C-alpha atoms as a PDB file:
ATOM      1  CA  MET A   1     115.703  92.519 121.345  1.00  0.00           C
ATOM      2  CA  SER A   2     113.136  93.803 123.852  1.00  0.00           C
ATOM      3  CA  VAL A   3     113.368  97.309 122.409  1.00  0.00           C
ATOM      4  CA  PHE A   4     111.627  96.115 119.259  1.00  0.00           C
ATOM      5  CA  ARG A   5     109.002  94.297 121.320  1.00  0.00           C
ATOM      6  CA  GLN A   6     108.127  97.724 122.809  1.00  0.00           C
ATOM      7  CA  ALA A   7     108.514  96.270 126.300  1.00  0.00           C
ATOM      8  CA  GLY A   8     107.117  98.341 129.155  1.00  0.00           C
ATOM      9  CA  HIS A   9     104.041  99.450 127.217  1.00  0.00           C
ATOM     10  CA  ASP A  10     100.501  98.132 127.666  1.00  0.00           C
ATOM     11  CA  VAL A  11      99.460  98.907 124.089  1.00  0.00           C
ATOM     12  CA  ARG A  12     101.964  98.259 121.321  1.00  0.00           C
ATOM     13  CA  LEU A  13     101.876  98.642 117.551  1.00  0.00           C
ATOM     14  CA  GLU A  14     104.027  97.378 114.725  1.00  0.00           C
ATOM     15  CA  TRP A  15     103.537  96.659 111.023  1.00  0.00           C
ATOM     16  CA  GLY A  16     103.180  93.453 109.050  1.00  0.00           C
ATOM     17  CA  ALA A  17     104.622  90.006 109.544  1.00  0.00           C
ATOM     18  CA  GLU A  18     107.656  91.457 111.261  1.00  0.00           C
ATOM     19  CA  GLY A  19     105.299  93.216 113.662  1.00  0.00           C
ATOM     20  CA  VAL A  20     103.606  89.923 114.504  1.00  0.00           C
ATOM     21  CA  ALA A  21     107.003  88.361 115.194  1.00  0.00           C
ATOM     22  CA  ALA A  22     108.137  91.303 117.318  1.00  0.00           C
ATOM     23  CA  LEU A  23     104.985  91.679 119.401  1.00  0.00           C
ATOM     24  CA  GLY A  24     103.708  88.122 119.583  1.00  0.00           C
ATOM     25  CA  ALA A  25     105.954  86.923 122.392  1.00  0.00           C
ATOM     26  CA  GLY A  26     105.030  89.758 124.750  1.00  0.00           C
ATOM     27  CA  CYS A  27     101.344  90.395 124.043  1.00  0.00           C
ATOM     28  CA  ALA A  28      98.365  88.408 125.282  1.00  0.00           C
ATOM     29  CA  VAL A  29      96.223  89.683 122.400  1.00  0.00           C
ATOM     30  CA  LEU A  30      97.116  90.576 118.829  1.00  0.00           C
ATOM     31  CA  VAL A  31      94.658  92.668 116.808  1.00  0.00           C
ATOM     32  CA  VAL A  32      95.179  92.250 113.056  1.00  0.00           C
ATOM     33  CA  VAL A  33      94.057  95.269 110.999  1.00  0.00           C
ATOM     34  CA  ASP A  34      93.511  94.927 107.239  1.00  0.00           C
ATOM     35  CA  VAL A  35      90.785  97.439 106.402  1.00  0.00           C
ATOM     36  CA  LEU A  36      90.858  96.908 102.624  1.00  0.00           C
ATOM     37  CA  SER A  37      89.759  94.381 102.680  1.00  0.00           C
ATOM     38  CA  PHE A  38      90.236  91.245 104.800  1.00  0.00           C
ATOM     39  CA  SER A  39      89.085  92.634 108.161  1.00  0.00           C
ATOM     40  CA  THR A  40      86.041  94.291 106.603  1.00  0.00           C
ATOM     41  CA  ARG A  41      85.090  91.107 104.756  1.00  0.00           C
ATOM     42  CA  VAL A  42      85.375  89.092 107.967  1.00  0.00           C
ATOM     43  CA  ASP A  43      83.153  91.561 109.825  1.00  0.00           C
ATOM     44  CA  LEU A  44      80.499  91.407 107.101  1.00  0.00           C
ATOM     45  CA  ALA A  45      80.617  87.608 106.832  1.00  0.00           C
ATOM     46  CA  LEU A  46      80.276  87.075 110.580  1.00  0.00           C
ATOM     47  CA  ALA A  47      77.372  89.526 110.703  1.00  0.00           C
ATOM     48  CA  GLU A  48      75.609  87.262 108.190  1.00  0.00           C
ATOM     49  CA  GLY A  49      76.138  84.195 110.367  1.00  0.00           C
ATOM     50  CA  HIS A  50      79.173  82.707 108.640  1.00  0.00           C
ATOM     51  CA  ARG A  51      82.503  81.641 110.084  1.00  0.00           C
ATOM     52  CA  VAL A  52      85.684  82.587 108.221  1.00  0.00           C
ATOM     53  CA  ARG A  53      88.835  80.538 107.834  1.00  0.00           C
ATOM     54  CA  PRO A  54      91.794  82.773 106.975  1.00  0.00           C
ATOM     55  CA  VAL A  55      93.882  81.021 104.356  1.00  0.00           C
ATOM     56  CA  HIS A  56      97.598  81.677 104.070  1.00  0.00           C
ATOM     57  CA  TRP A  57      98.547  83.256 100.743  1.00  0.00           C
ATOM     58  CA  LEU A  58     100.308  80.001  99.827  1.00  0.00           C
ATOM     59  CA  GLY A  59      97.737  77.680 101.420  1.00  0.00           C
ATOM     60  CA  GLU A  60      94.745  75.657 100.315  1.00  0.00           C
ATOM     61  CA  ASP A  61      91.041  76.506 100.705  1.00  0.00           C
ATOM     62  CA  PRO A  62      89.484  73.973 103.103  1.00  0.00           C
ATOM     63  CA  SER A  63      85.959  74.763 104.270  1.00  0.00           C
ATOM     64  CA  GLU A  64      82.778  73.138 105.476  1.00  0.00           C
ATOM     65  CA  GLY A  65      79.209  74.192 106.221  1.00  0.00           C
ATOM     66  CA  THR A  66      78.934  77.907 106.917  1.00  0.00           C
ATOM     67  CA  GLU A  67      82.725  78.240 107.041  1.00  0.00           C
ATOM     68  CA  VAL A  68      84.005  80.622 104.379  1.00  0.00           C
ATOM     69  CA  PRO A  69      87.647  80.361 103.256  1.00  0.00           C
ATOM     70  CA  LEU A  70      89.239  83.756 102.705  1.00  0.00           C
ATOM     71  CA  ARG A  71      92.741  84.028 101.310  1.00  0.00           C
ATOM     72  CA  SER A  72      94.794  87.214 101.323  1.00  0.00           C
ATOM     73  CA  PRO A  73      98.504  88.085 101.406  1.00  0.00           C
ATOM     74  CA  ASN A  74      97.985  90.397 104.364  1.00  0.00           C
ATOM     75  CA  GLY A  75      95.105  89.927 106.811  1.00  0.00           C
ATOM     76  CA  ALA A  76      94.556  86.215 106.313  1.00  0.00           C
ATOM     77  CA  THR A  77      98.230  85.351 106.243  1.00  0.00           C
ATOM     78  CA  LEU A  78      99.049  87.462 109.299  1.00  0.00           C
ATOM     79  CA  SER A  79      96.087  86.002 111.205  1.00  0.00           C
ATOM     80  CA  ALA A  80      97.558  82.536 110.779  1.00  0.00           C
ATOM     81  CA  GLU A  81     101.001  83.763 111.805  1.00  0.00           C
ATOM     82  CA  ALA A  82      99.581  85.604 114.825  1.00  0.00           C
ATOM     83  CA  ALA A  83      97.824  82.449 116.001  1.00  0.00           C
ATOM     84  CA  ALA A  84     101.154  80.611 115.974  1.00  0.00           C
ATOM     85  CA  THR A  85     102.482  82.986 118.674  1.00  0.00           C
ATOM     86  CA  GLY A  86      99.959  81.666 121.192  1.00  0.00           C
ATOM     87  CA  ALA A  87      98.251  85.046 121.626  1.00  0.00           C
ATOM     88  CA  HIS A  88      94.518  85.562 121.368  1.00  0.00           C
ATOM     89  CA  VAL A  89      93.877  86.863 117.851  1.00  0.00           C
ATOM     90  CA  LEU A  90      91.190  89.359 116.846  1.00  0.00           C
ATOM     91  CA  THR A  91      90.746  91.251 113.602  1.00  0.00           C
ATOM     92  CA  ALA A  92      89.500  94.839 113.407  1.00  0.00           C
ATOM     93  CA  CYS A  93      88.424  97.351 110.800  1.00  0.00           C
ATOM     94  CA  LEU A  94      86.919 100.826 110.921  1.00  0.00           C
ATOM     95  CA  ARG A  95      83.448  99.322 111.323  1.00  0.00           C
ATOM     96  CA  ASN A  96      84.143  97.456 114.577  1.00  0.00           C
ATOM     97  CA  ALA A  97      87.266  99.056 116.092  1.00  0.00           C
ATOM     98  CA  HIS A  98      85.611 100.018 119.379  1.00  0.00           C
ATOM     99  CA  ALA A  99      83.946  96.639 119.921  1.00  0.00           C
ATOM    100  CA  VAL A 100      87.208  94.832 119.182  1.00  0.00           C
ATOM    101  CA  ALA A 101      89.093  97.120 121.575  1.00  0.00           C
ATOM    102  CA  GLU A 102      86.646  96.223 124.368  1.00  0.00           C
ATOM    103  CA  ALA A 103      87.148  92.522 123.719  1.00  0.00           C
ATOM    104  CA  ALA A 104      90.935  92.892 123.525  1.00  0.00           C
ATOM    105  CA  LEU A 105      91.101  94.520 126.955  1.00  0.00           C
ATOM    106  CA  ALA A 106      88.869  91.855 128.467  1.00  0.00           C
ATOM    107  CA  LEU A 107      90.990  89.049 127.026  1.00  0.00           C
ATOM    108  CA  ALA A 108      94.314  90.652 127.922  1.00  0.00           C
ATOM    109  CA  GLY A 109      93.608  91.396 131.565  1.00  0.00           C
ATOM    110  CA  ASP A 110      96.778  93.019 132.887  1.00  0.00           C
ATOM    111  CA  ALA A 111      98.885  91.863 129.921  1.00  0.00           C
ATOM    112  CA  PRO A 112      99.765  93.960 126.840  1.00  0.00           C
ATOM    113  CA  VAL A 113      97.701  94.271 123.667  1.00  0.00           C
ATOM    114  CA  GLY A 114      99.476  94.387 120.322  1.00  0.00           C
ATOM    115  CA  VAL A 115      97.905  96.082 117.297  1.00  0.00           C
ATOM    116  CA  VAL A 116      99.246  95.019 113.895  1.00  0.00           C
ATOM    117  CA  PRO A 117      98.334  97.068 110.824  1.00  0.00           C
ATOM    118  CA  CYS A 118      99.003  94.700 107.949  1.00  0.00           C
ATOM    119  CA  GLY A 119      99.850  97.146 105.199  1.00  0.00           C
ATOM    120  CA  GLU A 120      99.930  96.194 101.541  1.00  0.00           C
ATOM    121  CA  ARG A 121     102.664  94.677  99.370  1.00  0.00           C
ATOM    122  CA  TRP A 122     104.277  96.334  96.401  1.00  0.00           C
ATOM    123  CA  GLY A 123     103.651  94.143  93.359  1.00  0.00           C
ATOM    124  CA  VAL A 124     100.641  92.387  94.892  1.00  0.00           C
ATOM    125  CA  HIS A 125      97.374  93.580  93.377  1.00  0.00           C
ATOM    126  CA  LEU A 126      93.844  92.313  92.779  1.00  0.00           C
ATOM    127  CA  ARG A 127      94.837  90.242  89.753  1.00  0.00           C
ATOM    128  CA  ALA A 128      97.964  88.803  91.341  1.00  0.00           C
ATOM    129  CA  GLY A 129      97.755  85.101  92.063  1.00  0.00           C
ATOM    130  CA  PRO A 130      98.714  83.404  95.329  1.00  0.00           C
ATOM    131  CA  GLY A 131     102.455  83.529  95.784  1.00  0.00           C
ATOM    132  CA  ALA A 132     102.925  87.044  94.423  1.00  0.00           C
ATOM    133  CA  THR A 133     104.952  89.024  96.897  1.00  0.00           C
ATOM    134  CA  GLY A 134     106.810  92.251  97.423  1.00  0.00           C
ATOM    135  CA  PRO A 135     108.084  94.620 100.111  1.00  0.00           C
ATOM    136  CA  LEU A 136     105.748  96.172 102.666  1.00  0.00           C
ATOM    137  CA  ARG A 137     103.766  99.249 101.636  1.00  0.00           C
ATOM    138  CA  PRO A 138     102.416 100.996 104.761  1.00  0.00           C
ATOM    139  CA  CYS A 139      98.970 102.231 103.775  1.00  0.00           C
ATOM    140  CA  VAL A 140      96.493 104.924 104.769  1.00  0.00           C
ATOM    141  CA  GLU A 141      93.606 102.636 105.605  1.00  0.00           C
ATOM    142  CA  ASP A 142      95.474 100.320 107.963  1.00  0.00           C
ATOM    143  CA  HIS A 143      97.217 103.173 109.766  1.00  0.00           C
ATOM    144  CA  LEU A 144      93.822 104.760 110.403  1.00  0.00           C
ATOM    145  CA  GLY A 145      92.220 101.440 111.331  1.00  0.00           C
ATOM    146  CA  ALA A 146      94.982 100.654 113.802  1.00  0.00           C
ATOM    147  CA  GLY A 147      94.717 104.179 115.167  1.00  0.00           C
ATOM    148  CA  ALA A 148      90.975 103.744 115.675  1.00  0.00           C
ATOM    149  CA  VAL A 149      91.632 100.609 117.724  1.00  0.00           C
ATOM    150  CA  VAL A 150      94.328 102.290 119.824  1.00  0.00           C
ATOM    151  CA  ALA A 151      92.172 105.389 120.388  1.00  0.00           C
ATOM    152  CA  ALA A 152      89.332 103.148 121.567  1.00  0.00           C
ATOM    153  CA  LEU A 153      91.701 101.310 123.916  1.00  0.00           C
ATOM    154  CA  LEU A 154      92.760 104.667 125.326  1.00  0.00           C
ATOM    155  CA  ASP A 155      89.135 105.754 125.789  1.00  0.00           C
ATOM    156  CA  LEU A 156      88.451 102.487 127.593  1.00  0.00           C
ATOM    157  CA  GLY A 157      91.187 103.115 130.127  1.00  0.00           C
ATOM    158  CA  ALA A 158      94.348 101.658 128.584  1.00  0.00           C
ATOM    159  CA  ARG A 159      97.507 103.482 129.555  1.00  0.00           C
ATOM    160  CA  ARG A 160     101.226 103.333 128.780  1.00  0.00           C
ATOM    161  CA  LEU A 161     100.941 103.395 125.004  1.00  0.00           C
ATOM    162  CA  SER A 162     104.121 102.903 123.004  1.00  0.00           C
ATOM    163  CA  PRO A 163     105.116 105.866 120.817  1.00  0.00           C
ATOM    164  CA  GLU A 164     104.163 103.806 117.768  1.00  0.00           C
ATOM    165  CA  ALA A 165     100.679 103.222 119.152  1.00  0.00           C
ATOM    166  CA  SER A 166     100.342 106.818 120.327  1.00  0.00           C
ATOM    167  CA  LEU A 167     101.175 108.182 116.883  1.00  0.00           C
ATOM    168  CA  ALA A 168      98.508 106.008 115.265  1.00  0.00           C
ATOM    169  CA  ALA A 169      95.893 107.192 117.773  1.00  0.00           C
ATOM    170  CA  LEU A 170      96.837 110.830 117.177  1.00  0.00           C
ATOM    171  CA  ALA A 171      96.567 110.305 113.427  1.00  0.00           C
ATOM    172  CA  TRP A 172      93.121 108.780 113.871  1.00  0.00           C
ATOM    173  CA  ARG A 173      91.869 111.588 116.103  1.00  0.00           C
ATOM    174  CA  ALA A 174      92.990 114.172 113.540  1.00  0.00           C
ATOM    175  CA  ALA A 175      91.716 112.282 110.511  1.00  0.00           C
ATOM    176  CA  GLU A 176      88.441 110.836 111.844  1.00  0.00           C
ATOM    177  CA  PRO A 177      86.167 113.538 110.320  1.00  0.00           C
ATOM    178  CA  GLU A 178      87.673 112.853 106.891  1.00  0.00           C
ATOM    179  CA  ALA A 179      88.346 109.130 107.328  1.00  0.00           C
ATOM    180  CA  GLY A 180      85.840 107.989 104.704  1.00  0.00           C
ATOM    181  CA  ALA A 181      87.228 110.259 102.008  1.00  0.00           C
ATOM    182  CA  LEU A 182      90.812 109.461 102.916  1.00  0.00           C
ATOM    183  CA  VAL A 183      90.289 105.702 102.728  1.00  0.00           C
ATOM    184  CA  ALA A 184      88.175 105.828  99.576  1.00  0.00           C
ATOM    185  CA  GLY A 185      90.697 108.102  97.881  1.00  0.00           C
ATOM    186  CA  SER A 186      93.753 106.127  98.936  1.00  0.00           C
ATOM    187  CA  ALA A 187      95.641 103.936  96.481  1.00  0.00           C
ATOM    188  CA  SER A 188      94.007 100.830  97.930  1.00  0.00           C
ATOM    189  CA  GLY A 189      90.543 102.378  97.832  1.00  0.00           C
ATOM    190  CA  ARG A 190      90.984 103.526  94.236  1.00  0.00           C
ATOM    191  CA  GLU A 191      92.227 100.095  93.191  1.00  0.00           C
ATOM    192  CA  LEU A 192      89.119  98.427  94.615  1.00  0.00           C
ATOM    193  CA  ARG A 193      86.716 100.986  93.141  1.00  0.00           C
ATOM    194  CA  GLU A 194      88.346 100.860  89.722  1.00  0.00           C
ATOM    195  CA  ASN A 195      87.946  97.080  89.752  1.00  0.00           C
ATOM    196  CA  GLY A 196      84.248  97.118  90.569  1.00  0.00           C
ATOM    197  CA  HIS A 197      84.402  96.840  94.366  1.00  0.00           C
ATOM    198  CA  GLY A 198      83.110 100.267  95.284  1.00  0.00           C
ATOM    199  CA  GLY A 199      80.411  98.708  97.460  1.00  0.00           C
ATOM    200  CA  LEU A 200      83.019  97.040  99.634  1.00  0.00           C
ATOM    201  CA  VAL A 201      84.832 100.349 100.077  1.00  0.00           C
ATOM    202  CA  GLY A 202      81.533 101.886 101.148  1.00  0.00           C
ATOM    203  CA  HIS A 203      81.111  99.207 103.801  1.00  0.00           C
ATOM    204  CA  ALA A 204      84.714  99.653 104.928  1.00  0.00           C
ATOM    205  CA  VAL A 205      84.297 103.357 105.696  1.00  0.00           C
ATOM    206  CA  ALA A 206      81.109 102.916 107.765  1.00  0.00           C
ATOM    207  CA  VAL A 207      82.972 103.849 110.945  1.00  0.00           C
ATOM    208  CA  GLY A 208      81.546 102.352 114.134  1.00  0.00           C
ATOM    209  CA  SER A 209      78.659 100.606 112.381  1.00  0.00           C
ATOM    210  CA  SER A 210      79.369  97.111 113.739  1.00  0.00           C
ATOM    211  CA  ARG A 211      79.539  95.397 117.120  1.00  0.00           C
ATOM    212  CA  VAL A 212      80.901  92.161 115.645  1.00  0.00           C
ATOM    213  CA  VAL A 213      84.085  90.931 117.346  1.00  0.00           C
ATOM    214  CA  PRO A 214      85.912  88.411 115.132  1.00  0.00           C
ATOM    215  CA  ARG A 215      87.984  86.061 117.291  1.00  0.00           C
ATOM    216  CA  LEU A 216      90.215  83.353 115.870  1.00  0.00           C
ATOM    217  CA  ARG A 217      89.562  79.944 117.408  1.00  0.00           C
ATOM    218  CA  GLU A 218      91.215  76.802 116.056  1.00  0.00           C
ATOM    219  CA  GLY A 219      92.051  78.572 112.816  1.00  0.00           C
ATOM    220  CA  VAL A 220      88.565  80.006 112.202  1.00  0.00           C
ATOM    221  CA  TYR A 221      87.174  83.468 112.874  1.00  0.00           C
ATOM    222  CA  GLU A 222      83.858  83.431 114.695  1.00  0.00           C
ATOM    223  CA  ARG A 223      81.975  85.957 116.762  1.00  0.00           C
ATOM    224  CA  GLY A 224      83.792  86.452 120.061  1.00  0.00           C
END
């Protein structure tokens, strides 16, 4: 149904795999947001000169040369699913939200942009092996990351935001001064820090520190 595709809006937002399915047919660009930690890891890897192949949670790990395979139940899996819609696929985090928004508008032209916060999955944690699954858990970090992208799109001249996208942008505007503390203190941030990944959380909350634009081409993220 077109109502769930948020038809009539230039910037649209919906969560998870269902969001990809709902928005993919009507959007020229899909921006996948998985702040902790797929999108942040991709940004860091591309900044170091690597290319990243997102690997479906149930897939294998093919790679060659500077290509880094990165499996996750959220960002990597949804990147592959987004590519299957035929849309241009970018991935964004708090570090590069503005740069990705610029690229999304350029790629979309007059067509809509869809922003997809991945969320987490209940029952899927750092020690869970591929195949572990559970229902969607909307999470602080991806709501803020998606909001940062939408707010940047708005600043760059995008109009006709869906209510879902507008709410995320409003949340980001209100939370931006405390974004680092909110993300670090969230359930996802605590899980990473308690498992020895505090450095990654620190990178993730470096808002606006990167101009890297990860664009998916032939199944591999490279600098756009």
